[in-house]
Full PDB file with SEQRES, HELIX, SHEET, SSBOND, CRYST1, ORIGX, SCALE, CONECT and MASTER records, all heavy atoms in Angstrom:
SEQRES   1 A   41  ALA ASP SER GLY ASP ALA GLY GLY THR ASP THR THR ALA          
SEQRES   2 A   41  ARG VAL LEU GLY ILE VAL GLY ILE VAL VAL GLY ALA ALA          
SEQRES   3 A   41  GLY VAL ALA TYR GLY VAL LEU ALA GLY ARG ARG ARG ALA          
SEQRES   4 A   41  ASP ALA                                                      
HELIX    1 AA1 ALA A    6  ASP A   40  1                                  35    
CRYST1    1.000    1.000    1.000  90.00  90.00  90.00 P 1           1          
ORIGX1      1.000000  0.000000  0.000000        0.00000                         
ORIGX2      0.000000  1.000000  0.000000        0.00000                         
ORIGX3      0.000000  0.000000  1.000000        0.00000                         
SCALE1      1.000000  0.000000  0.000000        0.00000                         
SCALE2      0.000000  1.000000  0.000000        0.00000                         
SCALE3      0.000000  0.000000  1.000000        0.00000                         
ATOM      1  N   ALA A   1     -20.277 -29.077  20.130  1.00  0.00           N  
ATOM      2  CA  ALA A   1     -19.742 -27.965  20.856  1.00  0.00           C  
ATOM      3  C   ALA A   1     -19.836 -28.215  22.332  1.00  0.00           C  
ATOM      4  O   ALA A   1     -18.956 -27.783  23.097  1.00  0.00           O  
ATOM      5  CB  ALA A   1     -20.475 -26.680  20.523  1.00  0.00           C  
ATOM      6  N   ASP A   2     -20.857 -28.949  22.829  1.00  0.00           N  
ATOM      7  CA  ASP A   2     -21.007 -29.248  24.213  1.00  0.00           C  
ATOM      8  C   ASP A   2     -20.121 -30.403  24.622  1.00  0.00           C  
ATOM      9  O   ASP A   2     -19.654 -30.455  25.719  1.00  0.00           O  
ATOM     10  CB  ASP A   2     -22.484 -29.574  24.565  1.00  0.00           C  
ATOM     11  CG  ASP A   2     -23.355 -28.359  24.391  1.00  0.00           C  
ATOM     12  OD1 ASP A   2     -22.811 -27.244  24.484  1.00  0.00           O  
ATOM     13  OD2 ASP A   2     -24.580 -28.530  24.156  1.00  0.00           O  
ATOM     14  N   SER A   3     -19.975 -31.376  23.713  1.00  0.00           N  
ATOM     15  CA  SER A   3     -19.255 -32.646  24.066  1.00  0.00           C  
ATOM     16  C   SER A   3     -17.777 -32.526  23.830  1.00  0.00           C  
ATOM     17  O   SER A   3     -17.002 -33.348  24.296  1.00  0.00           O  
ATOM     18  CB  SER A   3     -19.802 -33.809  23.237  1.00  0.00           C  
ATOM     19  OG  SER A   3     -19.504 -33.601  21.905  1.00  0.00           O  
ATOM     20  N   GLY A   4     -17.330 -31.593  23.007  1.00  0.00           N  
ATOM     21  CA  GLY A   4     -15.896 -31.498  22.687  1.00  0.00           C  
ATOM     22  C   GLY A   4     -15.519 -32.574  21.728  1.00  0.00           C  
ATOM     23  O   GLY A   4     -14.326 -32.869  21.597  1.00  0.00           O  
ATOM     24  N   ASP A   5     -16.470 -33.236  20.997  1.00  0.00           N  
ATOM     25  CA  ASP A   5     -16.120 -34.284  20.049  1.00  0.00           C  
ATOM     26  C   ASP A   5     -15.846 -33.728  18.699  1.00  0.00           C  
ATOM     27  O   ASP A   5     -15.386 -32.596  18.582  1.00  0.00           O  
ATOM     28  CB  ASP A   5     -17.264 -35.301  20.048  1.00  0.00           C  
ATOM     29  CG  ASP A   5     -16.773 -36.717  19.881  1.00  0.00           C  
ATOM     30  OD1 ASP A   5     -15.945 -36.920  18.978  1.00  0.00           O  
ATOM     31  OD2 ASP A   5     -17.184 -37.553  20.680  1.00  0.00           O  
ATOM     32  N   ALA A   6     -16.241 -34.477  17.628  1.00  0.00           N  
ATOM     33  CA  ALA A   6     -15.804 -34.152  16.266  1.00  0.00           C  
ATOM     34  C   ALA A   6     -16.090 -32.734  15.910  1.00  0.00           C  
ATOM     35  O   ALA A   6     -15.240 -31.987  15.433  1.00  0.00           O  
ATOM     36  CB  ALA A   6     -16.450 -35.145  15.312  1.00  0.00           C  
ATOM     37  N   GLY A   7     -17.399 -32.312  16.053  1.00  0.00           N  
ATOM     38  CA  GLY A   7     -17.742 -30.993  15.613  1.00  0.00           C  
ATOM     39  C   GLY A   7     -17.022 -29.935  16.437  1.00  0.00           C  
ATOM     40  O   GLY A   7     -16.550 -28.925  15.884  1.00  0.00           O  
ATOM     41  N   GLY A   8     -16.931 -30.140  17.775  1.00  0.00           N  
ATOM     42  CA  GLY A   8     -16.242 -29.170  18.616  1.00  0.00           C  
ATOM     43  C   GLY A   8     -14.779 -29.075  18.262  1.00  0.00           C  
ATOM     44  O   GLY A   8     -14.195 -28.009  18.307  1.00  0.00           O  
ATOM     45  N   THR A   9     -14.142 -30.206  17.971  1.00  0.00           N  
ATOM     46  CA  THR A   9     -12.730 -30.189  17.594  1.00  0.00           C  
ATOM     47  C   THR A   9     -12.531 -29.404  16.364  1.00  0.00           C  
ATOM     48  O   THR A   9     -11.577 -28.584  16.263  1.00  0.00           O  
ATOM     49  CB  THR A   9     -12.269 -31.648  17.368  1.00  0.00           C  
ATOM     50  OG1 THR A   9     -12.445 -32.386  18.555  1.00  0.00           O  
ATOM     51  CG2 THR A   9     -10.787 -31.640  17.008  1.00  0.00           C  
ATOM     52  N   ASP A  10     -13.392 -29.525  15.373  1.00  0.00           N  
ATOM     53  CA  ASP A  10     -13.244 -28.798  14.128  1.00  0.00           C  
ATOM     54  C   ASP A  10     -13.389 -27.311  14.325  1.00  0.00           C  
ATOM     55  O   ASP A  10     -12.641 -26.498  13.825  1.00  0.00           O  
ATOM     56  CB  ASP A  10     -14.267 -29.299  13.091  1.00  0.00           C  
ATOM     57  CG  ASP A  10     -14.074 -28.646  11.735  1.00  0.00           C  
ATOM     58  OD1 ASP A  10     -12.971 -28.726  11.214  1.00  0.00           O  
ATOM     59  OD2 ASP A  10     -14.995 -28.022  11.196  1.00  0.00           O  
ATOM     60  N   THR A  11     -14.392 -26.938  15.183  1.00  0.00           N  
ATOM     61  CA  THR A  11     -14.612 -25.537  15.454  1.00  0.00           C  
ATOM     62  C   THR A  11     -13.429 -24.946  16.198  1.00  0.00           C  
ATOM     63  O   THR A  11     -12.967 -23.817  15.901  1.00  0.00           O  
ATOM     64  CB  THR A  11     -15.899 -25.369  16.313  1.00  0.00           C  
ATOM     65  OG1 THR A  11     -16.978 -25.917  15.623  1.00  0.00           O  
ATOM     66  CG2 THR A  11     -16.154 -23.894  16.624  1.00  0.00           C  
ATOM     67  N   THR A  12     -12.904 -25.650  17.184  1.00  0.00           N  
ATOM     68  CA  THR A  12     -11.717 -25.219  17.948  1.00  0.00           C  
ATOM     69  C   THR A  12     -10.547 -25.027  17.028  1.00  0.00           C  
ATOM     70  O   THR A  12      -9.798 -24.033  17.096  1.00  0.00           O  
ATOM     71  CB  THR A  12     -11.385 -26.212  19.049  1.00  0.00           C  
ATOM     72  OG1 THR A  12     -12.483 -26.385  19.902  1.00  0.00           O  
ATOM     73  CG2 THR A  12     -10.165 -25.707  19.836  1.00  0.00           C  
ATOM     74  N   ALA A  13     -10.376 -25.965  16.071  1.00  0.00           N  
ATOM     75  CA  ALA A  13      -9.269 -25.854  15.146  1.00  0.00           C  
ATOM     76  C   ALA A  13      -9.352 -24.580  14.311  1.00  0.00           C  
ATOM     77  O   ALA A  13      -8.386 -23.900  14.054  1.00  0.00           O  
ATOM     78  CB  ALA A  13      -9.274 -27.103  14.226  1.00  0.00           C  
ATOM     79  N   ARG A  14     -10.555 -24.262  13.852  1.00  0.00           N  
ATOM     80  CA  ARG A  14     -10.745 -23.056  13.030  1.00  0.00           C  
ATOM     81  C   ARG A  14     -10.384 -21.821  13.836  1.00  0.00           C  
ATOM     82  O   ARG A  14      -9.708 -20.855  13.359  1.00  0.00           O  
ATOM     83  CB  ARG A  14     -12.156 -22.993  12.538  1.00  0.00           C  
ATOM     84  CG  ARG A  14     -12.490 -24.080  11.505  1.00  0.00           C  
ATOM     85  CD  ARG A  14     -13.908 -24.005  11.026  1.00  0.00           C  
ATOM     86  NE  ARG A  14     -14.267 -25.066  10.117  1.00  0.00           N  
ATOM     87  CZ  ARG A  14     -15.424 -25.213   9.560  1.00  0.00           C  
ATOM     88  NH1 ARG A  14     -16.396 -24.311   9.825  1.00  0.00           N  
ATOM     89  NH2 ARG A  14     -15.668 -26.231   8.747  1.00  0.00           N  
ATOM     90  N   VAL A  15     -10.866 -21.765  15.096  1.00  0.00           N  
ATOM     91  CA  VAL A  15     -10.607 -20.611  15.955  1.00  0.00           C  
ATOM     92  C   VAL A  15      -9.100 -20.481  16.182  1.00  0.00           C  
ATOM     93  O   VAL A  15      -8.553 -19.356  16.041  1.00  0.00           O  
ATOM     94  CB  VAL A  15     -11.349 -20.764  17.282  1.00  0.00           C  
ATOM     95  CG1 VAL A  15     -10.923 -19.628  18.227  1.00  0.00           C  
ATOM     96  CG2 VAL A  15     -12.863 -20.705  17.041  1.00  0.00           C  
ATOM     97  N   LEU A  16      -8.441 -21.570  16.532  1.00  0.00           N  
ATOM     98  CA  LEU A  16      -6.977 -21.492  16.730  1.00  0.00           C  
ATOM     99  C   LEU A  16      -6.257 -21.082  15.456  1.00  0.00           C  
ATOM    100  O   LEU A  16      -5.276 -20.358  15.510  1.00  0.00           O  
ATOM    101  CB  LEU A  16      -6.498 -22.855  17.216  1.00  0.00           C  
ATOM    102  CG  LEU A  16      -6.890 -23.285  18.643  1.00  0.00           C  
ATOM    103  CD1 LEU A  16      -6.420 -24.692  18.924  1.00  0.00           C  
ATOM    104  CD2 LEU A  16      -6.328 -22.306  19.665  1.00  0.00           C  
ATOM    105  N   GLY A  17      -6.716 -21.546  14.331  1.00  0.00           N  
ATOM    106  CA  GLY A  17      -6.100 -21.186  13.087  1.00  0.00           C  
ATOM    107  C   GLY A  17      -6.186 -19.693  12.845  1.00  0.00           C  
ATOM    108  O   GLY A  17      -5.206 -19.046  12.430  1.00  0.00           O  
ATOM    109  N   ILE A  18      -7.353 -19.093  13.086  1.00  0.00           N  
ATOM    110  CA  ILE A  18      -7.527 -17.680  12.905  1.00  0.00           C  
ATOM    111  C   ILE A  18      -6.632 -16.901  13.862  1.00  0.00           C  
ATOM    112  O   ILE A  18      -6.005 -15.920  13.504  1.00  0.00           O  
ATOM    113  CB  ILE A  18      -9.001 -17.295  13.103  1.00  0.00           C  
ATOM    114  CG1 ILE A  18      -9.855 -17.940  11.980  1.00  0.00           C  
ATOM    115  CG2 ILE A  18      -9.170 -15.769  13.129  1.00  0.00           C  
ATOM    116  CD1 ILE A  18     -11.343 -17.757  12.208  1.00  0.00           C  
ATOM    117  N   VAL A  19      -6.574 -17.384  15.123  1.00  0.00           N  
ATOM    118  CA  VAL A  19      -5.671 -16.702  16.122  1.00  0.00           C  
ATOM    119  C   VAL A  19      -4.268 -16.735  15.652  1.00  0.00           C  
ATOM    120  O   VAL A  19      -3.519 -15.770  15.741  1.00  0.00           O  
ATOM    121  CB  VAL A  19      -5.825 -17.391  17.495  1.00  0.00           C  
ATOM    122  CG1 VAL A  19      -4.812 -16.856  18.419  1.00  0.00           C  
ATOM    123  CG2 VAL A  19      -7.227 -17.159  18.038  1.00  0.00           C  
ATOM    124  N   GLY A  20      -3.868 -17.921  15.090  1.00  0.00           N  
ATOM    125  CA  GLY A  20      -2.476 -18.039  14.628  1.00  0.00           C  
ATOM    126  C   GLY A  20      -2.173 -17.029  13.524  1.00  0.00           C  
ATOM    127  O   GLY A  20      -1.098 -16.428  13.439  1.00  0.00           O  
ATOM    128  N   ILE A  21      -3.118 -16.873  12.563  1.00  0.00           N  
ATOM    129  CA  ILE A  21      -2.924 -15.922  11.472  1.00  0.00           C  
ATOM    130  C   ILE A  21      -2.774 -14.499  11.993  1.00  0.00           C  
ATOM    131  O   ILE A  21      -1.903 -13.750  11.559  1.00  0.00           O  
ATOM    132  CB  ILE A  21      -4.050 -16.056  10.488  1.00  0.00           C  
ATOM    133  CG1 ILE A  21      -4.019 -17.428   9.806  1.00  0.00           C  
ATOM    134  CG2 ILE A  21      -4.002 -14.932   9.432  1.00  0.00           C  
ATOM    135  CD1 ILE A  21      -5.227 -17.664   8.866  1.00  0.00           C  
ATOM    136  N   VAL A  22      -3.653 -14.162  12.981  1.00  0.00           N  
ATOM    137  CA  VAL A  22      -3.629 -12.816  13.520  1.00  0.00           C  
ATOM    138  C   VAL A  22      -2.288 -12.541  14.206  1.00  0.00           C  
ATOM    139  O   VAL A  22      -1.670 -11.505  14.032  1.00  0.00           O  
ATOM    140  CB  VAL A  22      -4.781 -12.623  14.519  1.00  0.00           C  
ATOM    141  CG1 VAL A  22      -4.639 -11.276  15.236  1.00  0.00           C  
ATOM    142  CG2 VAL A  22      -6.121 -12.662  13.761  1.00  0.00           C  
ATOM    143  N   VAL A  23      -1.839 -13.548  14.998  1.00  0.00           N  
ATOM    144  CA  VAL A  23      -0.530 -13.371  15.706  1.00  0.00           C  
ATOM    145  C   VAL A  23       0.610 -13.192  14.675  1.00  0.00           C  
ATOM    146  O   VAL A  23       1.459 -12.329  14.875  1.00  0.00           O  
ATOM    147  CB  VAL A  23      -0.262 -14.619  16.606  1.00  0.00           C  
ATOM    148  CG1 VAL A  23       1.155 -14.538  17.145  1.00  0.00           C  
ATOM    149  CG2 VAL A  23      -1.266 -14.659  17.740  1.00  0.00           C  
ATOM    150  N   GLY A  24       0.604 -14.013  13.646  1.00  0.00           N  
ATOM    151  CA  GLY A  24       1.675 -13.921  12.660  1.00  0.00           C  
ATOM    152  C   GLY A  24       1.620 -12.560  11.949  1.00  0.00           C  
ATOM    153  O   GLY A  24       2.683 -11.919  11.719  1.00  0.00           O  
ATOM    154  N   ALA A  25       0.452 -12.151  11.574  1.00  0.00           N  
ATOM    155  CA  ALA A  25       0.329 -10.861  10.863  1.00  0.00           C  
ATOM    156  C   ALA A  25       0.799  -9.734  11.770  1.00  0.00           C  
ATOM    157  O   ALA A  25       1.411  -8.755  11.315  1.00  0.00           O  
ATOM    158  CB  ALA A  25      -1.141 -10.642  10.432  1.00  0.00           C  
ATOM    159  N   ALA A  26       0.452  -9.788  13.058  1.00  0.00           N  
ATOM    160  CA  ALA A  26       0.861  -8.717  14.007  1.00  0.00           C  
ATOM    161  C   ALA A  26       2.379  -8.673  14.106  1.00  0.00           C  
ATOM    162  O   ALA A  26       2.990  -7.588  14.138  1.00  0.00           O  
ATOM    163  CB  ALA A  26       0.192  -8.956  15.355  1.00  0.00           C  
ATOM    164  N   GLY A  27       3.016  -9.834  14.131  1.00  0.00           N  
ATOM    165  CA  GLY A  27       4.478  -9.874  14.197  1.00  0.00           C  
ATOM    166  C   GLY A  27       5.131  -9.240  12.980  1.00  0.00           C  
ATOM    167  O   GLY A  27       6.082  -8.504  13.084  1.00  0.00           O  
ATOM    168  N   VAL A  28       4.589  -9.582  11.802  1.00  0.00           N  
ATOM    169  CA  VAL A  28       5.170  -9.016  10.593  1.00  0.00           C  
ATOM    170  C   VAL A  28       5.000  -7.489  10.558  1.00  0.00           C  
ATOM    171  O   VAL A  28       5.907  -6.753  10.201  1.00  0.00           O  
ATOM    172  CB  VAL A  28       4.486  -9.677   9.320  1.00  0.00           C  
ATOM    173  CG1 VAL A  28       4.912  -8.981   8.084  1.00  0.00           C  
ATOM    174  CG2 VAL A  28       4.815 -11.126   9.252  1.00  0.00           C  
ATOM    175  N   ALA A  29       3.793  -7.050  10.930  1.00  0.00           N  
ATOM    176  CA  ALA A  29       3.540  -5.602  10.908  1.00  0.00           C  
ATOM    177  C   ALA A  29       4.468  -4.872  11.859  1.00  0.00           C  
ATOM    178  O   ALA A  29       4.997  -3.792  11.542  1.00  0.00           O  
ATOM    179  CB  ALA A  29       2.063  -5.340  11.309  1.00  0.00           C  
ATOM    180  N   TYR A  30       4.712  -5.454  13.050  1.00  0.00           N  
ATOM    181  CA  TYR A  30       5.563  -4.835  14.001  1.00  0.00           C  
ATOM    182  C   TYR A  30       6.999  -4.695  13.480  1.00  0.00           C  
ATOM    183  O   TYR A  30       7.646  -3.707  13.600  1.00  0.00           O  
ATOM    184  CB  TYR A  30       5.596  -5.618  15.309  1.00  0.00           C  
ATOM    185  CG  TYR A  30       6.476  -5.072  16.390  1.00  0.00           C  
ATOM    186  CD1 TYR A  30       6.048  -4.050  17.202  1.00  0.00           C  
ATOM    187  CD2 TYR A  30       7.801  -5.540  16.546  1.00  0.00           C  
ATOM    188  CE1 TYR A  30       6.871  -3.492  18.182  1.00  0.00           C  
ATOM    189  CE2 TYR A  30       8.630  -5.019  17.506  1.00  0.00           C  
ATOM    190  CZ  TYR A  30       8.149  -3.989  18.331  1.00  0.00           C  
ATOM    191  OH  TYR A  30       8.989  -3.471  19.265  1.00  0.00           O  
ATOM    192  N   GLY A  31       7.442  -5.790  12.794  1.00  0.00           N  
ATOM    193  CA  GLY A  31       8.788  -5.744  12.215  1.00  0.00           C  
ATOM    194  C   GLY A  31       8.958  -4.700  11.172  1.00  0.00           C  
ATOM    195  O   GLY A  31       9.955  -3.956  11.129  1.00  0.00           O  
ATOM    196  N   VAL A  32       7.971  -4.591  10.275  1.00  0.00           N  
ATOM    197  CA  VAL A  32       8.025  -3.575   9.203  1.00  0.00           C  
ATOM    198  C   VAL A  32       8.030  -2.184   9.787  1.00  0.00           C  
ATOM    199  O   VAL A  32       8.815  -1.284   9.406  1.00  0.00           O  
ATOM    200  CB  VAL A  32       6.836  -3.754   8.268  1.00  0.00           C  
ATOM    201  CG1 VAL A  32       6.787  -2.587   7.294  1.00  0.00           C  
ATOM    202  CG2 VAL A  32       6.968  -5.074   7.530  1.00  0.00           C  
ATOM    203  N   LEU A  33       7.150  -1.937  10.825  1.00  0.00           N  
ATOM    204  CA  LEU A  33       7.077  -0.602  11.416  1.00  0.00           C  
ATOM    205  C   LEU A  33       8.383  -0.266  12.088  1.00  0.00           C  
ATOM    206  O   LEU A  33       8.869   0.858  11.984  1.00  0.00           O  
ATOM    207  CB  LEU A  33       5.926  -0.605  12.434  1.00  0.00           C  
ATOM    208  CG  LEU A  33       5.698   0.759  13.156  1.00  0.00           C  
ATOM    209  CD1 LEU A  33       5.421   1.873  12.155  1.00  0.00           C  
ATOM    210  CD2 LEU A  33       4.549   0.614  14.157  1.00  0.00           C  
ATOM    211  N   ALA A  34       8.951  -1.208  12.815  1.00  0.00           N  
ATOM    212  CA  ALA A  34      10.250  -0.946  13.507  1.00  0.00           C  
ATOM    213  C   ALA A  34      11.338  -0.631  12.558  1.00  0.00           C  
ATOM    214  O   ALA A  34      12.206   0.239  12.764  1.00  0.00           O  
ATOM    215  CB  ALA A  34      10.603  -2.136  14.400  1.00  0.00           C  
ATOM    216  N   GLY A  35      11.337  -1.351  11.407  1.00  0.00           N  
ATOM    217  CA  GLY A  35      12.357  -1.101  10.398  1.00  0.00           C  
ATOM    218  C   GLY A  35      12.249   0.289   9.833  1.00  0.00           C  
ATOM    219  O   GLY A  35      13.243   0.968   9.576  1.00  0.00           O  
ATOM    220  N   ARG A  36      11.054   0.749   9.606  1.00  0.00           N  
ATOM    221  CA  ARG A  36      10.864   2.123   9.068  1.00  0.00           C  
ATOM    222  C   ARG A  36      11.348   3.193  10.042  1.00  0.00           C  
ATOM    223  O   ARG A  36      11.928   4.187   9.677  1.00  0.00           O  
ATOM    224  CB  ARG A  36       9.382   2.300   8.707  1.00  0.00           C  
ATOM    225  CG  ARG A  36       8.947   1.543   7.489  1.00  0.00           C  
ATOM    226  CD  ARG A  36       7.475   1.763   7.215  1.00  0.00           C  
ATOM    227  NE  ARG A  36       7.045   1.065   6.001  1.00  0.00           N  
ATOM    228  CZ  ARG A  36       5.781   1.077   5.520  1.00  0.00           C  
ATOM    229  NH1 ARG A  36       4.860   1.788   6.188  1.00  0.00           N  
ATOM    230  NH2 ARG A  36       5.478   0.403   4.431  1.00  0.00           N  
ATOM    231  N   ARG A  37      11.034   2.934  11.323  1.00  0.00           N  
ATOM    232  CA  ARG A  37      11.469   3.917  12.331  1.00  0.00           C  
ATOM    233  C   ARG A  37      12.966   4.035  12.372  1.00  0.00           C  
ATOM    234  O   ARG A  37      13.521   5.136  12.502  1.00  0.00           O  
ATOM    235  CB  ARG A  37      10.929   3.505  13.734  1.00  0.00           C  
ATOM    236  CG  ARG A  37       9.430   3.687  13.877  1.00  0.00           C  
ATOM    237  CD  ARG A  37       8.980   3.197  15.227  1.00  0.00           C  
ATOM    238  NE  ARG A  37       7.540   3.443  15.395  1.00  0.00           N  
ATOM    239  CZ  ARG A  37       6.851   3.035  16.448  1.00  0.00           C  
ATOM    240  NH1 ARG A  37       7.488   2.369  17.426  1.00  0.00           N  
ATOM    241  NH2 ARG A  37       5.528   3.299  16.555  1.00  0.00           N  
ATOM    242  N   ARG A  38      13.716   2.932  12.285  1.00  0.00           N  
ATOM    243  CA  ARG A  38      15.176   2.971  12.261  1.00  0.00           C  
ATOM    244  C   ARG A  38      15.662   3.707  11.038  1.00  0.00           C  
ATOM    245  O   ARG A  38      16.630   4.444  11.080  1.00  0.00           O  
ATOM    246  CB  ARG A  38      15.728   1.570  12.328  1.00  0.00           C  
ATOM    247  CG  ARG A  38      15.538   0.830  13.651  1.00  0.00           C  
ATOM    248  CD  ARG A  38      16.544  -0.303  13.830  1.00  0.00           C  
ATOM    249  NE  ARG A  38      16.495  -1.169  12.683  1.00  0.00           N  
ATOM    250  CZ  ARG A  38      15.636  -2.195  12.569  1.00  0.00           C  
ATOM    251  NH1 ARG A  38      14.770  -2.427  13.557  1.00  0.00           N  
ATOM    252  NH2 ARG A  38      15.634  -2.963  11.534  1.00  0.00           N  
ATOM    253  N   ALA A  39      14.979   3.486   9.909  1.00  0.00           N  
ATOM    254  CA  ALA A  39      15.427   4.145   8.706  1.00  0.00           C  
ATOM    255  C   ALA A  39      15.227   5.637   8.784  1.00  0.00           C  
ATOM    256  O   ALA A  39      16.056   6.438   8.360  1.00  0.00           O  
ATOM    257  CB  ALA A  39      14.634   3.591   7.506  1.00  0.00           C  
ATOM    258  N   ASP A  40      14.090   6.075   9.373  1.00  0.00           N  
ATOM    259  CA  ASP A  40      13.850   7.525   9.524  1.00  0.00           C  
ATOM    260  C   ASP A  40      14.821   8.136  10.496  1.00  0.00           C  
ATOM    261  O   ASP A  40      15.208   9.323  10.353  1.00  0.00           O  
ATOM    262  CB  ASP A  40      12.399   7.729  10.066  1.00  0.00           C  
ATOM    263  CG  ASP A  40      11.375   7.301   9.022  1.00  0.00           C  
ATOM    264  OD1 ASP A  40      11.744   7.208   7.821  1.00  0.00           O  
ATOM    265  OD2 ASP A  40      10.184   7.039   9.381  1.00  0.00           O  
ATOM    266  N   ALA A  41      15.242   7.365  11.541  1.00  0.00           N  
ATOM    267  CA  ALA A  41      16.186   7.940  12.482  1.00  0.00           C  
ATOM    268  C   ALA A  41      17.523   8.084  11.849  1.00  0.00           C  
ATOM    269  O   ALA A  41      18.307   8.953  12.228  1.00  0.00           O  
ATOM    270  CB  ALA A  41      16.265   6.968  13.712  1.00  0.00           C  
TER     271      ALA A  41                                                      
MASTER        0    0    0    1    0    0    0    6  270    1    0    4          
END                                                                             
């Protein structure tokens, strides 16, 4: 974690992976919500 070598790279990869999943999920949720609002209108 201090050197940014093998272990740090793996940890960074996991963090970025989680961030990617959260971003993707947020985008899907936003799309579904917007679709429902148009349908209600």
